[in-house]
Protein backbone atom coordinates (compact mmCIF):
# COMPACT_ATOMS: atom_id res chain seq x y z
CA MET A 1 30.00 21.00 13.54
CA GLN A 2 30.05 24.63 14.85
CA ALA A 3 26.18 23.84 16.87
CA THR A 4 27.83 20.53 17.32
CA ASN A 5 30.93 22.29 19.71
CA TYR A 6 27.69 25.02 21.44
CA ILE A 7 26.19 22.14 22.60
CA TYR A 8 28.98 20.75 23.62
CA ASP A 9 29.90 23.75 25.19
CA THR A 10 26.93 24.30 26.94
CA GLY A 11 27.65 20.88 28.90
CA ASN A 12 25.59 18.36 26.39
CA THR A 13 28.25 15.70 26.04
CA ASN A 14 25.41 14.14 24.66
CA ILE A 15 26.51 14.14 21.49
CA ILE A 16 25.31 11.69 18.33
CA LEU A 17 27.22 12.39 14.40
CA HIS A 18 25.55 11.08 11.97
CA GLY A 19 27.34 10.94 7.75
CA ARG A 20 25.32 10.93 5.31
CA GLY A 21 26.95 10.23 2.97
CA ILE A 22 27.53 11.44 -0.72
CA ARG A 23 26.15 11.21 -4.26
CA THR A 24 27.62 9.51 -6.26
CA PHE A 25 27.03 8.49 -9.80
CA GLU A 26 27.70 5.24 -9.18
CA THR A 27 24.96 3.08 -9.93
CA THR A 28 25.28 0.42 -7.25
CA THR A 29 24.80 2.28 -4.34
CA ARG A 30 22.90 5.30 -3.88
CA ASN A 31 24.76 7.57 -1.03
CA ILE A 32 28.54 6.76 0.02
CA VAL A 33 30.40 7.90 3.18
CA ASP A 34 32.51 10.87 3.30
CA ILE A 35 35.83 9.94 4.25
CA ASN A 36 36.85 13.22 4.07
CA THR A 37 35.08 14.48 6.73
CA ILE A 38 36.50 11.87 9.38
CA ALA A 39 39.58 14.21 9.44
CA ASP A 40 37.26 17.51 9.84
CA ILE A 41 35.43 16.37 12.71
CA GLN A 42 38.46 15.19 14.75
CA HIS A 43 40.06 18.49 13.66
CA CYS A 44 37.19 20.37 14.59
CA CYS A 45 35.45 18.07 17.88
CA HIS A 46 38.71 17.85 21.28
CA LEU A 47 35.81 14.95 21.76
CA ASN A 48 38.26 12.39 24.17
CA SER A 49 38.44 9.12 22.39
CA ALA A 50 39.46 7.56 25.44
CA GLU A 51 36.38 7.86 26.80
CA ALA A 52 33.79 6.45 24.20
CA LEU A 53 31.29 4.94 25.03
CA SER A 54 31.15 2.86 21.73
CA ASP A 55 34.31 2.44 20.28
CA GLY A 56 36.80 4.28 23.11
CA HIS A 57 38.38 0.28 23.15
CA GLN A 58 38.82 0.74 19.65
CA ALA A 59 40.80 3.87 18.80
CA LEU A 60 44.41 4.07 17.89
CA THR A 61 46.27 6.43 20.42
CA GLU A 62 49.39 8.25 18.33
CA SER A 63 51.95 5.41 19.36
CA MET A 64 49.40 2.54 18.64
CA PHE A 65 49.27 4.21 15.31
CA ALA A 66 53.02 4.65 15.34
CA GLN A 67 53.35 1.16 15.70
CA LEU A 68 51.06 -0.52 13.33
CA MET A 69 52.31 1.23 10.24
CA GLN A 70 55.60 0.43 11.23
CA GLU A 71 54.21 -3.74 11.65
CA LEU A 72 52.99 -2.99 8.09
CA LYS A 73 55.88 -1.36 6.70
CA PRO A 74 56.76 -5.44 5.32
CA PHE A 75 53.67 -6.18 3.38
CA VAL A 76 53.84 -2.60 1.71
CA GLU A 77 56.97 -2.99 0.01
CA ALA A 78 55.94 -6.59 -1.24
CA ALA A 79 53.09 -4.91 -2.62
CA GLY A 80 55.21 -2.32 -4.54
CA ARG A 81 53.83 0.54 -2.10
CA THR A 82 55.62 3.22 0.11
CA LEU A 83 54.24 5.00 3.07
């Protein structure tokens, strides 16, 4: 991540990160995406998702996420779960 930030800070905004995945003991798949790294990347990188060329239009804002959680609440409760 430090290398990515260095590249970005020097003016190159054409950065693509690719997750190779992690090895598991599961026999049906060789590599699984480590979703824990997503939070690390978001915390370390301060890129503007609204300007992303590939999926910026799909990004949820904080208020949109809060609204989604409220809309999902009845389904979560019906499943006997909590948020």
